Amino acid sequence: MAAQQKAKKPNLFKRLGAFFVKSWSELKKVSWPNFKTVLKNTSIVLLVVLFFALIIYGSDLLFGWLISLIK
């Protein structure tokens, strides 16, 4: 019986507390980008998304027009 109690996990709140402590210590190690870098990367992503949206929209118009010619 003593072996079972020794192998027993800590309760939920202790495990949850340990998880948050470890997570917080890992977040301290992260190298966060500055605002200028975030702004630049966000604008690049938005431009790429807009570019592909225009390509898909143009393809849709083209194929719709081709389908209307077939009918």
PDB file of N, CA and C in Angstrom:
ATOM      1  N   MET A   1       0.819  -1.186   0.000  1.00  0.00           N
ATOM      2  CA  MET A   1       0.000   0.000   0.000  1.00  0.00           C
ATOM      3  C   MET A   1       0.873   1.263   0.000  1.00  0.00           C
ATOM      4  N   ALA A   2       1.993   1.202   0.661  1.00  0.00           N
ATOM      5  CA  ALA A   2       2.876   2.367   0.720  1.00  0.00           C
ATOM      6  C   ALA A   2       3.431   2.688  -0.657  1.00  0.00           C
ATOM      7  N   ALA A   3       3.660   1.650  -1.468  1.00  0.00           N
ATOM      8  CA  ALA A   3       4.180   1.870  -2.820  1.00  0.00           C
ATOM      9  C   ALA A   3       3.143   2.568  -3.692  1.00  0.00           C
ATOM     10  N   GLN A   4       1.870   2.249  -3.477  1.00  0.00           N
ATOM     11  CA  GLN A   4       0.811   2.897  -4.251  1.00  0.00           C
ATOM     12  C   GLN A   4       0.708   4.377  -3.909  1.00  0.00           C
ATOM     13  N   GLN A   5       0.826   4.721  -2.644  1.00  0.00           N
ATOM     14  CA  GLN A   5       0.735   6.117  -2.246  1.00  0.00           C
ATOM     15  C   GLN A   5       1.939   6.909  -2.737  1.00  0.00           C
ATOM     16  N   LYS A   6       3.099   6.265  -2.782  1.00  0.00           N
ATOM     17  CA  LYS A   6       4.295   6.940  -3.237  1.00  0.00           C
ATOM     18  C   LYS A   6       4.219   7.244  -4.730  1.00  0.00           C
ATOM     19  N   ALA A   7       3.628   6.352  -5.514  1.00  0.00           N
ATOM     20  CA  ALA A   7       3.526   6.521  -6.957  1.00  0.00           C
ATOM     21  C   ALA A   7       2.326   7.393  -7.349  1.00  0.00           C
ATOM     22  N   LYS A   8       1.510   7.760  -6.373  1.00  0.00           N
ATOM     23  CA  LYS A   8       0.310   8.547  -6.651  1.00  0.00           C
ATOM     24  C   LYS A   8       0.692   9.965  -7.090  1.00  0.00           C
ATOM     25  N   LYS A   9      -0.018  10.476  -8.099  1.00  0.00           N
ATOM     26  CA  LYS A   9       0.243  11.827  -8.610  1.00  0.00           C
ATOM     27  C   LYS A   9      -0.244  12.868  -7.608  1.00  0.00           C
ATOM     28  N   PRO A  10       0.374  14.055  -7.635  1.00  0.00           N
ATOM     29  CA  PRO A  10      -0.151  15.148  -6.807  1.00  0.00           C
ATOM     30  C   PRO A  10      -1.541  15.552  -7.295  1.00  0.00           C
ATOM     31  N   ASN A  11      -2.258  16.264  -6.451  1.00  0.00           N
ATOM     32  CA  ASN A  11      -3.621  16.623  -6.843  1.00  0.00           C
ATOM     33  C   ASN A  11      -3.610  17.604  -8.014  1.00  0.00           C
ATOM     34  N   LEU A  12      -4.780  17.850  -8.553  1.00  0.00           N
ATOM     35  CA  LEU A  12      -4.944  18.657  -9.755  1.00  0.00           C
ATOM     36  C   LEU A  12      -4.398  20.064  -9.585  1.00  0.00           C
ATOM     37  N   PHE A  13      -4.652  20.679  -8.432  1.00  0.00           N
ATOM     38  CA  PHE A  13      -4.244  22.071  -8.235  1.00  0.00           C
ATOM     39  C   PHE A  13      -2.726  22.213  -8.147  1.00  0.00           C
ATOM     40  N   LYS A  14      -2.051  21.234  -7.553  1.00  0.00           N
ATOM     41  CA  LYS A  14      -0.593  21.287  -7.492  1.00  0.00           C
ATOM     42  C   LYS A  14       0.004  21.115  -8.891  1.00  0.00           C
ATOM     43  N   ARG A  15      -0.554  20.194  -9.670  1.00  0.00           N
ATOM     44  CA  ARG A  15      -0.060  19.997 -11.034  1.00  0.00           C
ATOM     45  C   ARG A  15      -0.333  21.224 -11.890  1.00  0.00           C
ATOM     46  N   LEU A  16      -1.505  21.824 -11.730  1.00  0.00           N
ATOM     47  CA  LEU A  16      -1.854  23.028 -12.479  1.00  0.00           C
ATOM     48  C   LEU A  16      -0.940  24.190 -12.089  1.00  0.00           C
ATOM     49  N   GLY A  17      -0.677  24.339 -10.800  1.00  0.00           N
ATOM     50  CA  GLY A  17       0.228  25.383 -10.337  1.00  0.00           C
ATOM     51  C   GLY A  17       1.630  25.190 -10.888  1.00  0.00           C
ATOM     52  N   ALA A  18       2.114  23.946 -10.885  1.00  0.00           N
ATOM     53  CA  ALA A  18       3.439  23.662 -11.434  1.00  0.00           C
ATOM     54  C   ALA A  18       3.482  23.955 -12.930  1.00  0.00           C
ATOM     55  N   PHE A  19       2.404  23.646 -13.624  1.00  0.00           N
ATOM     56  CA  PHE A  19       2.338  23.932 -15.058  1.00  0.00           C
ATOM     57  C   PHE A  19       2.472  25.426 -15.331  1.00  0.00           C
ATOM     58  N   PHE A  20       1.730  26.250 -14.567  1.00  0.00           N
ATOM     59  CA  PHE A  20       1.784  27.695 -14.786  1.00  0.00           C
ATOM     60  C   PHE A  20       3.139  28.279 -14.398  1.00  0.00           C
ATOM     61  N   VAL A  21       3.754  27.755 -13.357  1.00  0.00           N
ATOM     62  CA  VAL A  21       5.079  28.236 -12.963  1.00  0.00           C
ATOM     63  C   VAL A  21       6.092  27.918 -14.052  1.00  0.00           C
ATOM     64  N   LYS A  22       6.058  26.716 -14.571  1.00  0.00           N
ATOM     65  CA  LYS A  22       6.982  26.333 -15.644  1.00  0.00           C
ATOM     66  C   LYS A  22       6.703  27.121 -16.924  1.00  0.00           C
ATOM     67  N   SER A  23       5.419  27.330 -17.237  1.00  0.00           N
ATOM     68  CA  SER A  23       5.070  28.098 -18.431  1.00  0.00           C
ATOM     69  C   SER A  23       5.560  29.534 -18.317  1.00  0.00           C
ATOM     70  N   TRP A  24       5.397  30.130 -17.146  1.00  0.00           N
ATOM     71  CA  TRP A  24       5.838  31.513 -16.949  1.00  0.00           C
ATOM     72  C   TRP A  24       7.357  31.617 -17.077  1.00  0.00           C
ATOM     73  N   SER A  25       8.077  30.642 -16.549  1.00  0.00           N
ATOM     74  CA  SER A  25       9.533  30.688 -16.659  1.00  0.00           C
ATOM     75  C   SER A  25       9.985  30.515 -18.109  1.00  0.00           C
ATOM     76  N   GLU A  26       9.262  29.735 -18.887  1.00  0.00           N
ATOM     77  CA  GLU A  26       9.598  29.595 -20.304  1.00  0.00           C
ATOM     78  C   GLU A  26       9.271  30.869 -21.076  1.00  0.00           C
ATOM     79  N   LEU A  27       8.181  31.536 -20.735  1.00  0.00           N
ATOM     80  CA  LEU A  27       7.820  32.782 -21.408  1.00  0.00           C
ATOM     81  C   LEU A  27       8.838  33.887 -21.141  1.00  0.00           C
ATOM     82  N   LYS A  28       9.504  33.840 -20.001  1.00  0.00           N
ATOM     83  CA  LYS A  28      10.548  34.822 -19.705  1.00  0.00           C
ATOM     84  C   LYS A  28      11.751  34.658 -20.629  1.00  0.00           C
ATOM     85  N   LYS A  29      11.949  33.441 -21.142  1.00  0.00           N
ATOM     86  CA  LYS A  29      13.094  33.156 -22.002  1.00  0.00           C
ATOM     87  C   LYS A  29      12.857  33.533 -23.459  1.00  0.00           C
ATOM     88  N   VAL A  30      11.622  33.815 -23.821  1.00  0.00           N
ATOM     89  CA  VAL A  30      11.273  34.099 -25.208  1.00  0.00           C
ATOM     90  C   VAL A  30      11.811  35.463 -25.617  1.00  0.00           C
ATOM     91  N   SER A  31      12.342  35.532 -26.822  1.00  0.00           N
ATOM     92  CA  SER A  31      12.801  36.801 -27.363  1.00  0.00           C
ATOM     93  C   SER A  31      11.655  37.403 -28.166  1.00  0.00           C
ATOM     94  N   TRP A  32      10.963  38.373 -27.576  1.00  0.00           N
ATOM     95  CA  TRP A  32       9.789  38.955 -28.201  1.00  0.00           C
ATOM     96  C   TRP A  32      10.214  40.020 -29.207  1.00  0.00           C
ATOM     97  N   PRO A  33       9.549  40.095 -30.369  1.00  0.00           N
ATOM     98  CA  PRO A  33       9.897  41.121 -31.366  1.00  0.00           C
ATOM     99  C   PRO A  33       9.395  42.496 -30.929  1.00  0.00           C
ATOM    100  N   ASN A  34      10.044  43.523 -31.462  1.00  0.00           N
ATOM    101  CA  ASN A  34       9.581  44.875 -31.145  1.00  0.00           C
ATOM    102  C   ASN A  34       8.405  45.244 -32.057  1.00  0.00           C
ATOM    103  N   PHE A  35       7.794  46.380 -31.790  1.00  0.00           N
ATOM    104  CA  PHE A  35       6.580  46.777 -32.511  1.00  0.00           C
ATOM    105  C   PHE A  35       6.837  46.982 -33.994  1.00  0.00           C
ATOM    106  N   LYS A  36       8.006  47.524 -34.335  1.00  0.00           N
ATOM    107  CA  LYS A  36       8.326  47.777 -35.740  1.00  0.00           C
ATOM    108  C   LYS A  36       8.400  46.463 -36.532  1.00  0.00           C
ATOM    109  N   THR A  37       8.982  45.448 -35.952  1.00  0.00           N
ATOM    110  CA  THR A  37       9.081  44.141 -36.607  1.00  0.00           C
ATOM    111  C   THR A  37       7.699  43.507 -36.774  1.00  0.00           C
ATOM    112  N   VAL A  38       6.890  43.603 -35.744  1.00  0.00           N
ATOM    113  CA  VAL A  38       5.529  43.046 -35.813  1.00  0.00           C
ATOM    114  C   VAL A  38       4.727  43.757 -36.895  1.00  0.00           C
ATOM    115  N   LEU A  39       4.844  45.076 -36.959  1.00  0.00           N
ATOM    116  CA  LEU A  39       4.124  45.849 -37.969  1.00  0.00           C
ATOM    117  C   LEU A  39       4.572  45.474 -39.378  1.00  0.00           C
ATOM    118  N   LYS A  40       5.877  45.311 -39.571  1.00  0.00           N
ATOM    119  CA  LYS A  40       6.409  44.940 -40.886  1.00  0.00           C
ATOM    120  C   LYS A  40       5.920  43.549 -41.298  1.00  0.00           C
ATOM    121  N   ASN A  41       6.011  42.595 -40.385  1.00  0.00           N
ATOM    122  CA  ASN A  41       5.581  41.226 -40.707  1.00  0.00           C
ATOM    123  C   ASN A  41       4.079  41.156 -40.957  1.00  0.00           C
ATOM    124  N   THR A  42       3.302  41.912 -40.201  1.00  0.00           N
ATOM    125  CA  THR A  42       1.854  41.927 -40.398  1.00  0.00           C
ATOM    126  C   THR A  42       1.496  42.509 -41.760  1.00  0.00           C
ATOM    127  N   SER A  43       2.183  43.571 -42.154  1.00  0.00           N
ATOM    128  CA  SER A  43       1.890  44.160 -43.460  1.00  0.00           C
ATOM    129  C   SER A  43       2.277  43.220 -44.595  1.00  0.00           C
ATOM    130  N   ILE A  44       3.362  42.495 -44.438  1.00  0.00           N
ATOM    131  CA  ILE A  44       3.757  41.520 -45.463  1.00  0.00           C
ATOM    132  C   ILE A  44       2.696  40.433 -45.599  1.00  0.00           C
ATOM    133  N   VAL A  45       2.223  39.931 -44.474  1.00  0.00           N
ATOM    134  CA  VAL A  45       1.194  38.880 -44.501  1.00  0.00           C
ATOM    135  C   VAL A  45      -0.082  39.394 -45.150  1.00  0.00           C
ATOM    136  N   LEU A  46      -0.501  40.604 -44.812  1.00  0.00           N
ATOM    137  CA  LEU A  46      -1.718  41.162 -45.398  1.00  0.00           C
ATOM    138  C   LEU A  46      -1.580  41.369 -46.899  1.00  0.00           C
ATOM    139  N   LEU A  47      -0.417  41.826 -47.346  1.00  0.00           N
ATOM    140  CA  LEU A  47      -0.202  42.012 -48.784  1.00  0.00           C
ATOM    141  C   LEU A  47      -0.219  40.681 -49.536  1.00  0.00           C
ATOM    142  N   VAL A  48       0.384  39.655 -48.966  1.00  0.00           N
ATOM    143  CA  VAL A  48       0.389  38.336 -49.614  1.00  0.00           C
ATOM    144  C   VAL A  48      -1.031  37.774 -49.672  1.00  0.00           C
ATOM    145  N   VAL A  49      -1.781  37.928 -48.587  1.00  0.00           N
ATOM    146  CA  VAL A  49      -3.171  37.451 -48.576  1.00  0.00           C
ATOM    147  C   VAL A  49      -3.998  38.204 -49.615  1.00  0.00           C
ATOM    148  N   LEU A  50      -3.825  39.515 -49.712  1.00  0.00           N
ATOM    149  CA  LEU A  50      -4.549  40.310 -50.703  1.00  0.00           C
ATOM    150  C   LEU A  50      -4.174  39.889 -52.121  1.00  0.00           C
ATOM    151  N   PHE A  51      -2.889  39.637 -52.356  1.00  0.00           N
ATOM    152  CA  PHE A  51      -2.422  39.198 -53.663  1.00  0.00           C
ATOM    153  C   PHE A  51      -3.090  37.891 -54.083  1.00  0.00           C
ATOM    154  N   PHE A  52      -3.086  36.907 -53.190  1.00  0.00           N
ATOM    155  CA  PHE A  52      -3.692  35.625 -53.535  1.00  0.00           C
ATOM    156  C   PHE A  52      -5.217  35.717 -53.615  1.00  0.00           C
ATOM    157  N   ALA A  53      -5.823  36.590 -52.829  1.00  0.00           N
ATOM    158  CA  ALA A  53      -7.274  36.784 -52.937  1.00  0.00           C
ATOM    159  C   ALA A  53      -7.628  37.346 -54.304  1.00  0.00           C
ATOM    160  N   LEU A  54      -6.823  38.279 -54.806  1.00  0.00           N
ATOM    161  CA  LEU A  54      -7.068  38.830 -56.145  1.00  0.00           C
ATOM    162  C   LEU A  54      -6.864  37.767 -57.226  1.00  0.00           C
ATOM    163  N   ILE A  55      -5.860  36.908 -57.064  1.00  0.00           N
ATOM    164  CA  ILE A  55      -5.641  35.832 -58.035  1.00  0.00           C
ATOM    165  C   ILE A  55      -6.827  34.873 -58.043  1.00  0.00           C
ATOM    166  N   ILE A  56      -7.300  34.498 -56.864  1.00  0.00           N
ATOM    167  CA  ILE A  56      -8.436  33.573 -56.784  1.00  0.00           C
ATOM    168  C   ILE A  56      -9.702  34.233 -57.332  1.00  0.00           C
ATOM    169  N   TYR A  57      -9.903  35.508 -57.034  1.00  0.00           N
ATOM    170  CA  TYR A  57     -11.069  36.225 -57.555  1.00  0.00           C
ATOM    171  C   TYR A  57     -11.005  36.312 -59.080  1.00  0.00           C
ATOM    172  N   GLY A  58      -9.849  36.628 -59.621  1.00  0.00           N
ATOM    173  CA  GLY A  58      -9.694  36.695 -61.077  1.00  0.00           C
ATOM    174  C   GLY A  58      -9.911  35.345 -61.728  1.00  0.00           C
ATOM    175  N   SER A  59      -9.391  34.286 -61.112  1.00  0.00           N
ATOM    176  CA  SER A  59      -9.602  32.937 -61.649  1.00  0.00           C
ATOM    177  C   SER A  59     -11.079  32.577 -61.631  1.00  0.00           C
ATOM    178  N   ASP A  60     -11.765  32.952 -60.569  1.00  0.00           N
ATOM    179  CA  ASP A  60     -13.196  32.672 -60.469  1.00  0.00           C
ATOM    180  C   ASP A  60     -13.969  33.392 -61.574  1.00  0.00           C
ATOM    181  N   LEU A  61     -13.632  34.645 -61.800  1.00  0.00           N
ATOM    182  CA  LEU A  61     -14.295  35.385 -62.878  1.00  0.00           C
ATOM    183  C   LEU A  61     -14.005  34.755 -64.238  1.00  0.00           C
ATOM    184  N   LEU A  62     -12.749  34.389 -64.469  1.00  0.00           N
ATOM    185  CA  LEU A  62     -12.364  33.789 -65.744  1.00  0.00           C
ATOM    186  C   LEU A  62     -13.089  32.470 -65.981  1.00  0.00           C
ATOM    187  N   PHE A  63     -13.070  31.594 -64.985  1.00  0.00           N
ATOM    188  CA  PHE A  63     -13.729  30.298 -65.164  1.00  0.00           C
ATOM    189  C   PHE A  63     -15.236  30.443 -65.251  1.00  0.00           C
ATOM    190  N   GLY A  64     -15.812  31.405 -64.542  1.00  0.00           N
ATOM    191  CA  GLY A  64     -17.246  31.657 -64.661  1.00  0.00           C
ATOM    192  C   GLY A  64     -17.606  32.125 -66.065  1.00  0.00           C
ATOM    193  N   TRP A  65     -16.761  32.986 -66.612  1.00  0.00           N
ATOM    194  CA  TRP A  65     -16.995  33.459 -67.971  1.00  0.00           C
ATOM    195  C   TRP A  65     -16.855  32.318 -68.975  1.00  0.00           C
ATOM    196  N   LEU A  66     -15.840  31.452 -68.791  1.00  0.00           N
ATOM    197  CA  LEU A  66     -15.668  30.302 -69.694  1.00  0.00           C
ATOM    198  C   LEU A  66     -16.847  29.333 -69.611  1.00  0.00           C
ATOM    199  N   ILE A  67     -17.331  29.113 -68.407  1.00  0.00           N
ATOM    200  CA  ILE A  67     -18.488  28.215 -68.232  1.00  0.00           C
ATOM    201  C   ILE A  67     -19.715  28.816 -68.909  1.00  0.00           C
ATOM    202  N   SER A  68     -19.883  30.134 -68.810  1.00  0.00           N
ATOM    203  CA  SER A  68     -21.046  30.763 -69.454  1.00  0.00           C
ATOM    204  C   SER A  68     -20.958  30.660 -70.969  1.00  0.00           C
ATOM    205  N   LEU A  69     -19.754  30.624 -71.543  1.00  0.00           N
ATOM    206  CA  LEU A  69     -19.598  30.434 -72.984  1.00  0.00           C
ATOM    207  C   LEU A  69     -19.980  29.026 -73.416  1.00  0.00           C
ATOM    208  N   ILE A  70     -19.721  28.057 -72.560  1.00  0.00           N
ATOM    209  CA  ILE A  70     -20.039  26.666 -72.871  1.00  0.00           C
ATOM    210  C   ILE A  70     -21.546  26.434 -72.847  1.00  0.00           C
ATOM    211  N   LYS A  71     -22.248  27.045 -71.944  1.00  0.00           N
ATOM    212  CA  LYS A  71     -23.707  26.845 -71.821  1.00  0.00           C
ATOM    213  C   LYS A  71     -24.387  27.384 -72.992  1.00  0.00           C
TER     214      LYS A  71
END
